[in-house]
Amino acid sequence: MASAKKTMTLNLTDAEMSALEALSDKKDLNKTSILRQALRLYQVIEARLEKGDKLYFEDDKTKEKAEVVML
């Protein structure tokens, strides 16, 4: 059984809306799906950080790592 959905109003800057629309077009998903995926990703990252894990991006060629710091 699917959980009940709630509606909310979201105020975005022009730049934020442009980024959302670009991702929506690139991924061929509606904006709501993009935001839901972003929320799930944020939850996973937060859970891992709370356990003491760190998040890195690694350059494929140089193997240089950069830590992502979350607020």
N, C-alpha and C. Protein backbone atom coordinates (compact mmCIF):
# COMPACT_ATOMS: atom_id res chain seq x y z
N MET A 1 0.84 -1.18 0.00
CA MET A 1 0.00 0.00 0.00
C MET A 1 0.89 1.25 0.00
N ALA A 2 0.69 2.12 -0.95
CA ALA A 2 1.49 3.35 -1.06
C ALA A 2 1.11 4.32 0.04
N SER A 3 2.11 5.03 0.54
CA SER A 3 1.82 6.01 1.59
C SER A 3 1.15 7.24 0.98
N ALA A 4 0.39 7.93 1.80
CA ALA A 4 -0.30 9.14 1.34
C ALA A 4 0.72 10.20 0.97
N LYS A 5 0.43 10.91 -0.07
CA LYS A 5 1.34 11.97 -0.52
C LYS A 5 0.82 13.31 -0.07
N LYS A 6 1.74 14.21 0.19
CA LYS A 6 1.44 15.57 0.62
C LYS A 6 1.91 16.53 -0.47
N THR A 7 1.26 17.66 -0.55
CA THR A 7 1.64 18.70 -1.50
C THR A 7 2.32 19.83 -0.74
N MET A 8 3.36 20.40 -1.35
CA MET A 8 4.03 21.54 -0.74
C MET A 8 4.39 22.55 -1.81
N THR A 9 4.61 23.77 -1.39
CA THR A 9 5.09 24.82 -2.28
C THR A 9 6.57 24.99 -2.05
N LEU A 10 7.32 25.10 -3.13
CA LEU A 10 8.77 25.22 -3.04
C LEU A 10 9.19 26.48 -3.79
N ASN A 11 9.89 27.36 -3.09
CA ASN A 11 10.38 28.59 -3.71
C ASN A 11 11.84 28.40 -4.10
N LEU A 12 12.13 28.50 -5.39
CA LEU A 12 13.48 28.35 -5.91
C LEU A 12 13.93 29.62 -6.60
N THR A 13 15.23 29.86 -6.56
CA THR A 13 15.78 30.97 -7.34
C THR A 13 15.72 30.58 -8.82
N ASP A 14 15.94 31.54 -9.68
CA ASP A 14 15.98 31.24 -11.12
C ASP A 14 17.06 30.21 -11.42
N ALA A 15 18.22 30.35 -10.78
CA ALA A 15 19.32 29.43 -11.01
C ALA A 15 18.97 28.01 -10.54
N GLU A 16 18.33 27.91 -9.39
CA GLU A 16 17.93 26.60 -8.88
C GLU A 16 16.89 25.95 -9.77
N MET A 17 15.92 26.74 -10.24
CA MET A 17 14.90 26.20 -11.14
C MET A 17 15.51 25.76 -12.46
N SER A 18 16.46 26.53 -12.97
CA SER A 18 17.15 26.16 -14.21
C SER A 18 17.89 24.84 -14.03
N ALA A 19 18.55 24.68 -12.89
CA ALA A 19 19.27 23.44 -12.62
C ALA A 19 18.30 22.26 -12.53
N LEU A 20 17.17 22.45 -11.87
CA LEU A 20 16.16 21.40 -11.75
C LEU A 20 15.59 21.04 -13.12
N GLU A 21 15.29 22.04 -13.92
CA GLU A 21 14.75 21.78 -15.26
C GLU A 21 15.78 21.08 -16.15
N ALA A 22 17.05 21.46 -16.03
CA ALA A 22 18.10 20.81 -16.82
C ALA A 22 18.24 19.34 -16.44
N LEU A 23 18.23 19.06 -15.14
CA LEU A 23 18.30 17.67 -14.70
C LEU A 23 17.08 16.88 -15.15
N SER A 24 15.91 17.51 -15.06
CA SER A 24 14.67 16.87 -15.49
C SER A 24 14.74 16.49 -16.96
N ASP A 25 15.22 17.42 -17.79
CA ASP A 25 15.36 17.14 -19.22
C ASP A 25 16.41 16.07 -19.48
N LYS A 26 17.56 16.18 -18.83
CA LYS A 26 18.67 15.25 -19.04
C LYS A 26 18.29 13.82 -18.66
N LYS A 27 17.59 13.69 -17.55
CA LYS A 27 17.24 12.36 -17.04
C LYS A 27 15.88 11.87 -17.56
N ASP A 28 15.18 12.73 -18.28
CA ASP A 28 13.83 12.42 -18.79
C ASP A 28 12.90 12.00 -17.64
N LEU A 29 12.96 12.79 -16.57
CA LEU A 29 12.11 12.58 -15.40
C LEU A 29 11.43 13.90 -15.06
N ASN A 30 10.28 13.82 -14.42
CA ASN A 30 9.63 15.07 -14.01
C ASN A 30 10.36 15.65 -12.80
N LYS A 31 10.09 16.91 -12.52
CA LYS A 31 10.80 17.61 -11.45
C LYS A 31 10.56 16.97 -10.09
N THR A 32 9.37 16.47 -9.86
CA THR A 32 9.07 15.81 -8.60
C THR A 32 9.94 14.58 -8.41
N SER A 33 10.13 13.80 -9.47
CA SER A 33 10.98 12.61 -9.38
C SER A 33 12.43 12.99 -9.10
N ILE A 34 12.90 14.04 -9.72
CA ILE A 34 14.28 14.51 -9.46
C ILE A 34 14.43 14.89 -8.00
N LEU A 35 13.48 15.64 -7.45
CA LEU A 35 13.56 16.07 -6.06
C LEU A 35 13.44 14.88 -5.10
N ARG A 36 12.61 13.91 -5.43
CA ARG A 36 12.50 12.71 -4.58
C ARG A 36 13.82 11.94 -4.57
N GLN A 37 14.44 11.80 -5.74
CA GLN A 37 15.73 11.11 -5.80
C GLN A 37 16.79 11.87 -5.01
N ALA A 38 16.79 13.19 -5.12
CA ALA A 38 17.74 14.01 -4.38
C ALA A 38 17.56 13.83 -2.88
N LEU A 39 16.32 13.79 -2.43
CA LEU A 39 16.03 13.60 -1.01
C LEU A 39 16.50 12.23 -0.53
N ARG A 40 16.24 11.19 -1.32
CA ARG A 40 16.71 9.85 -0.93
C ARG A 40 18.24 9.80 -0.88
N LEU A 41 18.89 10.41 -1.85
CA LEU A 41 20.36 10.44 -1.86
C LEU A 41 20.88 11.17 -0.62
N TYR A 42 20.28 12.30 -0.30
CA TYR A 42 20.70 13.07 0.88
C TYR A 42 20.54 12.22 2.14
N GLN A 43 19.44 11.47 2.24
CA GLN A 43 19.22 10.62 3.40
C GLN A 43 20.30 9.55 3.52
N VAL A 44 20.68 8.93 2.41
CA VAL A 44 21.72 7.90 2.42
C VAL A 44 23.05 8.50 2.84
N ILE A 45 23.38 9.65 2.28
CA ILE A 45 24.64 10.32 2.62
C ILE A 45 24.67 10.67 4.10
N GLU A 46 23.59 11.26 4.59
CA GLU A 46 23.53 11.63 6.01
C GLU A 46 23.70 10.42 6.91
N ALA A 47 23.05 9.31 6.58
CA ALA A 47 23.15 8.10 7.40
C ALA A 47 24.59 7.60 7.43
N ARG A 48 25.27 7.62 6.29
CA ARG A 48 26.66 7.16 6.24
C ARG A 48 27.58 8.10 7.01
N LEU A 49 27.37 9.41 6.87
CA LEU A 49 28.20 10.37 7.60
C LEU A 49 28.00 10.24 9.10
N GLU A 50 26.76 9.97 9.53
CA GLU A 50 26.49 9.80 10.96
C GLU A 50 27.21 8.58 11.52
N LYS A 51 27.45 7.57 10.67
CA LYS A 51 28.20 6.38 11.09
C LYS A 51 29.70 6.64 11.12
N GLY A 52 30.12 7.79 10.61
CA GLY A 52 31.54 8.12 10.60
C GLY A 52 32.21 7.92 9.25
N ASP A 53 31.45 7.50 8.25
CA ASP A 53 32.01 7.35 6.91
C ASP A 53 32.28 8.72 6.30
N LYS A 54 33.11 8.75 5.27
CA LYS A 54 33.40 9.98 4.55
C LYS A 54 32.97 9.81 3.10
N LEU A 55 32.69 10.93 2.45
CA LEU A 55 32.26 10.92 1.05
C LEU A 55 33.33 11.59 0.21
N TYR A 56 33.78 10.90 -0.84
CA TYR A 56 34.83 11.40 -1.71
C TYR A 56 34.41 11.30 -3.17
N PHE A 57 34.98 12.21 -3.97
CA PHE A 57 34.98 12.06 -5.42
C PHE A 57 36.41 11.74 -5.81
N GLU A 58 36.56 10.80 -6.75
CA GLU A 58 37.90 10.43 -7.19
C GLU A 58 38.01 10.66 -8.69
N ASP A 59 39.07 11.35 -9.08
CA ASP A 59 39.35 11.57 -10.50
C ASP A 59 39.80 10.25 -11.10
N ASP A 60 39.12 9.81 -12.15
CA ASP A 60 39.41 8.53 -12.77
C ASP A 60 40.84 8.44 -13.30
N LYS A 61 41.34 9.53 -13.83
CA LYS A 61 42.68 9.50 -14.45
C LYS A 61 43.79 9.64 -13.43
N THR A 62 43.68 10.65 -12.57
CA THR A 62 44.78 10.93 -11.63
C THR A 62 44.64 10.20 -10.30
N LYS A 63 43.46 9.65 -10.04
CA LYS A 63 43.14 9.00 -8.76
C LYS A 63 43.15 9.98 -7.59
N GLU A 64 43.19 11.27 -7.91
CA GLU A 64 43.13 12.30 -6.87
C GLU A 64 41.75 12.27 -6.23
N LYS A 65 41.71 12.34 -4.90
CA LYS A 65 40.45 12.31 -4.16
C LYS A 65 40.17 13.67 -3.54
N ALA A 66 38.88 14.02 -3.53
CA ALA A 66 38.44 15.25 -2.89
C ALA A 66 37.27 14.89 -1.98
N GLU A 67 37.40 15.24 -0.72
CA GLU A 67 36.32 14.96 0.23
C GLU A 67 35.18 15.94 0.04
N VAL A 68 33.96 15.42 0.07
CA VAL A 68 32.76 16.25 0.00
C VAL A 68 32.33 16.53 1.44
N VAL A 69 32.24 17.81 1.79
CA VAL A 69 31.84 18.20 3.14
C VAL A 69 30.39 18.65 3.10
N MET A 70 29.58 18.03 3.93
CA MET A 70 28.15 18.35 3.99
C MET A 70 27.88 19.24 5.19
N LEU A 71 26.93 20.12 5.04
CA LEU A 71 26.52 20.99 6.16
C LEU A 71 25.48 20.32 7.00
